[in-house]
Amino acid sequence: MFSIAYRMLGNVMDAEDIVQEVFLAWNANKPEQVQNIKSYLCKMVTNRCIDHIRSASKRREAYVGPWLPSPLLTDDPGEPDGPASIYLHKESLSTAYLLLLQQLSWIERAVFVLREVLQYDYDEIAEIVDKSSANCRQIFHRAKGAISGISSSSETGPPKSESLKRRIELFVHALTTGNSGQLVNILKADARLQSDGGGKVTAAIRPILGAERVSAFLFGIVGKATPDSSYRMVSVNGEPGIVTYAGKKPNSVMTFRIQDEEIADIYIVINPDKLLHLPDLSS
């Protein structure tokens, strides 16, 4: 249920809230005859996600600066046969891929996730989204084609974790030693950095483009770090990433996309509302 909600919304806390609401509603008023409890609960989750997407559309339009998915720490693999784990083996949970999902309409997103995550047949999906089975099949193939076209053109398929980890280690070394030349060499010439502050904290309103400008921006951030600042390399959305801390509190989360063995995209979430679910260093 969380697997569906998180991929549809791109927000950990909203997904958790919806799953909790569904369980509370289920426990308060269980229908007498439900042949497939899992399908029934997933339908409830999907419908609530659709309502949330519709109500949040205007807020998203008024969002200050780039919008990025809230980070999901995945150091704990959870249940090996759970829907999140199944999806993790099939497609990346990376920030880049979640951003592709967000480009789909709510109906495309719902059909795509239900088909890809839980392998529902089209008759089950049709019942959930109130469309015909044939229509759902068309929607799924259209959505998959759209994502495949975007992802293949930008090579956003899941990179090898070890390769990405090595690049991030070099990235951190360059920043901590002040080696701007090394940092520029790690980045693609047309590298892009997006920072999501949501208007709550200072962040770049527009993407930073180009290796030189990205490097200068990052060193500017490092120069403003306080003495109690620290970082930790963790698994974020199924891939290596970085959590930075101010004291013991999470201050930002950085995720990356590599292309041709270079860092092509850097995503920085610093919106404090999107970091509330992250554990402190003392946890």
Protein backbone atom coordinates (compact mmCIF):
# COMPACT_ATOMS: atom_id res chain seq x y z
CA MET A 1 0.00 0.00 0.00
CA PHE A 2 2.84 2.38 0.86
CA SER A 3 4.61 1.35 -2.33
CA ILE A 4 1.65 2.54 -4.39
CA ALA A 5 1.06 5.73 -2.41
CA TYR A 6 4.69 6.86 -2.39
CA ARG A 7 5.14 6.38 -6.12
CA MET A 8 1.91 8.16 -6.93
CA LEU A 9 2.54 11.11 -4.61
CA GLY A 10 6.33 11.32 -4.32
CA ASN A 11 5.96 12.24 -0.65
CA VAL A 12 6.78 9.91 2.24
CA MET A 13 4.63 11.57 4.90
CA ASP A 14 1.59 11.95 2.64
CA ALA A 15 1.92 8.29 1.65
CA GLU A 16 2.15 7.21 5.29
CA ASP A 17 -0.88 9.33 6.19
CA ILE A 18 -2.97 7.80 3.43
CA VAL A 19 -2.02 4.25 4.40
CA GLN A 20 -2.91 4.99 8.02
CA GLU A 21 -6.24 6.52 6.99
CA VAL A 22 -7.08 3.42 4.97
CA PHE A 23 -6.27 1.07 7.85
CA LEU A 24 -8.34 3.17 10.26
CA ALA A 25 -11.27 3.21 7.83
CA TRP A 26 -10.91 -0.54 7.28
CA ASN A 27 -10.84 -1.33 11.00
CA ALA A 28 -13.77 0.96 11.72
CA ASN A 29 -16.05 -0.39 9.05
CA LYS A 30 -15.00 -3.69 7.51
CA PRO A 31 -17.28 -4.75 4.65
CA GLU A 32 -18.90 -8.12 5.26
CA GLN A 33 -17.99 -9.63 1.94
CA VAL A 34 -14.56 -8.89 0.49
CA GLN A 35 -13.04 -11.68 -1.56
CA ASN A 36 -9.63 -10.06 -1.99
CA ILE A 37 -8.64 -7.88 0.96
CA LYS A 38 -5.35 -6.82 -0.62
CA SER A 39 -7.05 -5.57 -3.79
CA TYR A 40 -9.72 -3.82 -1.79
CA LEU A 41 -7.20 -1.97 0.39
CA CYS A 42 -5.08 -1.04 -2.61
CA LYS A 43 -8.17 0.36 -4.29
CA MET A 44 -8.83 2.50 -1.22
CA VAL A 45 -5.23 3.73 -1.26
CA THR A 46 -5.32 4.49 -4.98
CA ASN A 47 -8.58 6.43 -4.74
CA ARG A 48 -7.25 8.51 -1.85
CA CYS A 49 -4.07 9.20 -3.79
CA ILE A 50 -6.10 10.37 -6.78
CA ASP A 51 -8.12 12.71 -4.55
CA HIS A 52 -4.90 14.02 -3.02
CA ILE A 53 -3.30 14.63 -6.43
CA ARG A 54 -6.37 16.56 -7.59
CA SER A 55 -6.47 18.73 -4.46
CA ALA A 56 -2.70 19.30 -4.53
CA SER A 57 -2.48 20.32 -8.19
CA LYS A 58 -2.93 24.03 -7.48
CA ARG A 59 -0.45 23.90 -4.60
CA ARG A 60 2.08 22.28 -6.90
CA GLU A 61 1.60 25.05 -9.47
CA ALA A 62 2.34 27.65 -6.78
CA TYR A 63 5.34 25.75 -5.38
CA VAL A 64 8.41 27.94 -5.01
CA GLY A 65 11.35 26.62 -7.05
CA PRO A 66 11.90 23.06 -8.31
CA TRP A 67 9.76 20.33 -6.75
CA LEU A 68 11.55 17.09 -5.83
CA PRO A 69 10.20 13.91 -4.24
CA SER A 70 10.75 13.63 -0.51
CA PRO A 71 13.64 11.22 0.18
CA LEU A 72 13.00 7.65 1.28
CA LEU A 73 15.85 6.07 3.22
CA THR A 74 16.18 2.46 2.08
CA ASP A 75 18.97 1.13 4.29
CA ASP A 76 16.40 -1.22 5.85
CA PRO A 77 15.29 -3.53 3.03
CA GLY A 78 12.05 -4.38 4.83
CA GLU A 79 10.04 -7.40 3.90
CA PRO A 80 11.82 -9.18 1.02
CA ASP A 81 8.51 -10.06 -0.64
CA GLY A 82 6.76 -6.75 -0.01
CA PRO A 83 5.51 -4.61 -2.90
CA ALA A 84 8.26 -2.02 -2.39
CA SER A 85 10.95 -4.70 -2.60
CA ILE A 86 9.36 -6.26 -5.66
CA TYR A 87 9.29 -2.90 -7.42
CA LEU A 88 12.82 -2.10 -6.34
CA HIS A 89 14.10 -5.16 -8.19
CA LYS A 90 12.21 -4.24 -11.33
CA GLU A 91 12.70 -0.48 -11.59
CA SER A 92 14.68 2.13 -9.79
CA LEU A 93 13.30 4.12 -6.87
CA SER A 94 15.69 6.88 -7.85
CA THR A 95 14.75 10.54 -7.72
CA ALA A 96 15.13 10.73 -11.49
CA TYR A 97 12.63 7.92 -12.07
CA LEU A 98 10.12 9.30 -9.55
CA LEU A 99 10.28 12.62 -11.37
CA LEU A 100 9.37 10.79 -14.57
CA LEU A 101 6.33 9.28 -12.84
CA GLN A 102 5.27 12.75 -11.73
CA GLN A 103 5.08 13.81 -15.37
CA LEU A 104 2.24 11.36 -15.96
CA SER A 105 -1.38 12.31 -15.39
CA TRP A 106 -3.06 10.87 -12.30
CA ILE A 107 -4.83 8.18 -14.33
CA GLU A 108 -1.63 7.21 -16.17
CA ARG A 109 0.28 7.14 -12.90
CA ALA A 110 -2.35 5.00 -11.17
CA VAL A 111 -2.60 2.47 -14.00
CA PHE A 112 1.17 2.33 -14.50
CA VAL A 113 1.97 1.83 -10.80
CA LEU A 114 -0.75 -0.77 -10.25
CA ARG A 115 0.42 -2.74 -13.26
CA GLU A 116 4.16 -2.41 -12.58
CA VAL A 117 4.15 -2.61 -8.79
CA LEU A 118 1.56 -5.26 -8.04
CA GLN A 119 1.18 -6.89 -11.44
CA TYR A 120 -2.59 -6.45 -11.32
CA ASP A 121 -4.44 -7.62 -14.38
CA TYR A 122 -6.33 -5.06 -16.43
CA ASP A 123 -9.75 -6.12 -15.15
CA GLU A 124 -8.66 -5.40 -11.55
CA ILE A 125 -7.14 -2.07 -12.55
CA ALA A 126 -10.29 -1.14 -14.46
CA GLU A 127 -12.38 -1.67 -11.34
CA ILE A 128 -10.07 0.54 -9.29
CA VAL A 129 -9.88 3.48 -11.70
CA ASP A 130 -13.39 3.14 -13.19
CA LYS A 131 -12.22 2.61 -16.74
CA SER A 132 -12.68 -0.27 -19.14
CA SER A 133 -10.08 -3.02 -19.23
CA ALA A 134 -9.21 -2.16 -22.83
CA ASN A 135 -8.84 1.49 -21.92
CA CYS A 136 -6.53 0.63 -19.02
CA ARG A 137 -4.36 -1.43 -21.35
CA GLN A 138 -4.03 1.54 -23.69
CA ILE A 139 -3.30 3.92 -20.81
CA PHE A 140 -0.58 1.62 -19.47
CA HIS A 141 1.19 1.26 -22.80
CA ARG A 142 0.95 5.01 -23.40
CA ALA A 143 2.40 5.74 -19.95
CA LYS A 144 5.15 3.16 -20.33
CA GLY A 145 6.02 4.53 -23.74
CA ALA A 146 6.23 8.06 -22.37
CA ILE A 147 8.51 7.06 -19.51
CA SER A 148 10.64 4.80 -21.70
CA GLY A 149 11.06 7.57 -24.25
CA ILE A 150 12.15 10.10 -21.66
CA SER A 151 14.32 7.70 -19.69
CA SER A 152 16.05 6.23 -22.72
CA SER A 153 16.86 9.66 -24.09
CA SER A 154 18.38 10.75 -20.77
CA GLU A 155 19.64 7.35 -19.66
CA THR A 156 17.81 7.46 -16.33
CA GLY A 157 17.75 3.72 -15.92
CA PRO A 158 19.10 2.52 -12.60
CA PRO A 159 22.89 2.86 -12.60
CA LYS A 160 25.21 0.36 -10.97
CA SER A 161 25.28 1.20 -7.27
CA GLU A 162 29.01 0.63 -6.91
CA SER A 163 29.81 2.94 -9.80
CA LEU A 164 27.57 5.65 -8.38
CA LYS A 165 29.02 5.14 -4.91
CA ARG A 166 32.56 5.64 -6.21
CA ARG A 167 31.53 8.84 -7.97
CA ILE A 168 29.88 10.16 -4.80
CA GLU A 169 32.99 9.37 -2.76
CA LEU A 170 35.09 11.36 -5.25
CA PHE A 171 32.45 14.09 -5.15
CA VAL A 172 32.67 14.34 -1.34
CA HIS A 173 36.48 14.27 -1.41
CA ALA A 174 36.58 17.13 -3.92
CA LEU A 175 34.20 19.24 -1.83
CA THR A 176 35.89 18.58 1.51
CA THR A 177 39.38 19.27 0.15
CA GLY A 178 38.35 22.31 -1.88
CA ASN A 179 39.50 20.70 -5.13
CA SER A 180 37.32 22.48 -7.69
CA GLY A 181 39.18 20.94 -10.62
CA GLN A 182 38.46 17.43 -9.42
CA LEU A 183 34.80 18.29 -8.85
CA VAL A 184 34.39 19.71 -12.36
CA ASN A 185 36.02 16.57 -13.81
CA ILE A 186 33.50 14.37 -11.98
CA LEU A 187 30.56 16.33 -13.40
CA LYS A 188 29.26 16.17 -16.95
CA ALA A 189 29.88 19.36 -18.86
CA ASP A 190 26.12 19.99 -18.99
CA ALA A 191 25.48 18.83 -15.40
CA ARG A 192 22.34 20.12 -13.71
CA LEU A 193 21.63 20.78 -10.03
CA GLN A 194 18.15 21.21 -8.59
CA SER A 195 17.49 22.26 -5.00
CA ASP A 196 14.06 22.01 -3.39
CA GLY A 197 13.54 24.50 -0.58
CA GLY A 198 9.82 24.92 -1.16
CA GLY A 199 10.04 28.59 -0.21
CA LYS A 200 10.75 27.54 3.40
CA VAL A 201 14.54 28.00 3.28
CA THR A 202 17.01 29.61 0.90
CA ALA A 203 17.46 27.56 -2.27
CA ALA A 204 18.08 28.09 -5.96
CA ILE A 205 14.78 29.06 -7.58
CA ARG A 206 15.90 27.68 -10.93
CA PRO A 207 18.12 24.71 -11.85
CA ILE A 208 21.87 25.40 -11.91
CA LEU A 209 23.26 24.41 -15.30
CA GLY A 210 26.81 23.53 -16.35
CA ALA A 211 29.70 21.90 -14.46
CA GLU A 212 31.45 25.18 -13.62
CA ARG A 213 28.30 26.82 -12.23
CA VAL A 214 27.27 23.71 -10.33
CA SER A 215 30.74 23.48 -8.80
CA ALA A 216 30.70 27.14 -7.75
CA PHE A 217 27.23 26.73 -6.22
CA LEU A 218 28.29 23.67 -4.22
CA PHE A 219 31.43 25.33 -2.89
CA GLY A 220 29.25 28.28 -1.90
CA ILE A 221 27.13 25.92 0.20
CA VAL A 222 30.22 24.34 1.78
CA GLY A 223 31.57 27.79 2.62
CA LYS A 224 28.43 28.55 4.65
CA ALA A 225 28.54 25.30 6.65
CA THR A 226 28.59 25.68 10.42
CA PRO A 227 31.17 23.93 12.67
CA ASP A 228 28.57 21.37 13.78
CA SER A 229 27.79 20.35 10.17
CA SER A 230 28.37 16.74 9.17
CA TYR A 231 27.26 14.23 6.56
CA ARG A 232 26.53 10.55 6.22
CA MET A 233 26.44 8.37 3.12
CA VAL A 234 23.25 6.33 3.12
CA SER A 235 20.97 4.49 0.74
CA VAL A 236 18.30 6.89 -0.52
CA ASN A 237 15.55 5.67 -2.82
CA GLY A 238 17.47 2.48 -3.45
CA GLU A 239 20.72 4.19 -4.44
CA PRO A 240 23.74 5.74 -2.70
CA GLY A 241 23.07 9.27 -1.45
CA ILE A 242 24.07 11.77 1.20
CA VAL A 243 22.28 13.17 4.25
CA THR A 244 23.80 16.33 5.71
CA TYR A 245 23.22 17.41 9.30
CA ALA A 246 23.22 20.67 11.25
CA GLY A 247 24.06 19.39 14.69
CA LYS A 248 22.05 16.19 14.97
CA LYS A 249 19.17 17.31 12.76
CA PRO A 250 18.95 16.39 9.06
CA ASN A 251 19.57 19.49 7.00
CA SER A 252 19.47 18.18 3.42
CA VAL A 253 19.44 15.04 1.32
CA MET A 254 21.42 14.74 -1.89
CA THR A 255 20.76 12.17 -4.59
CA PHE A 256 22.42 11.80 -7.97
CA ARG A 257 22.06 10.53 -11.52
CA ILE A 258 25.12 9.37 -13.43
CA GLN A 259 25.54 9.11 -17.15
CA ASP A 260 28.59 7.81 -18.96
CA GLU A 261 30.39 7.43 -15.61
CA GLU A 262 29.91 11.13 -14.78
CA ILE A 263 27.45 12.88 -12.48
CA ALA A 264 24.76 14.32 -14.73
CA ASP A 265 22.18 15.46 -12.17
CA ILE A 266 22.31 16.44 -8.50
CA TYR A 267 19.08 16.68 -6.52
CA ILE A 268 19.13 18.45 -3.14
CA VAL A 269 16.07 18.40 -0.88
CA ILE A 270 16.32 21.06 1.84
CA ASN A 271 12.62 21.79 2.34
CA PRO A 272 12.33 21.09 6.11
CA ASP A 273 8.81 19.72 5.66
CA LYS A 274 10.24 16.94 3.48
CA LEU A 275 12.89 16.00 6.06
CA LEU A 276 10.66 15.63 9.13
CA HIS A 277 10.43 11.85 8.77
CA LEU A 278 14.21 11.37 8.74
CA PRO A 279 15.93 10.16 11.93
CA ASP A 280 18.35 12.35 13.86
CA LEU A 281 21.99 11.35 14.18
CA SER A 282 21.27 10.20 17.73
CA SER A 283 18.52 7.83 16.56
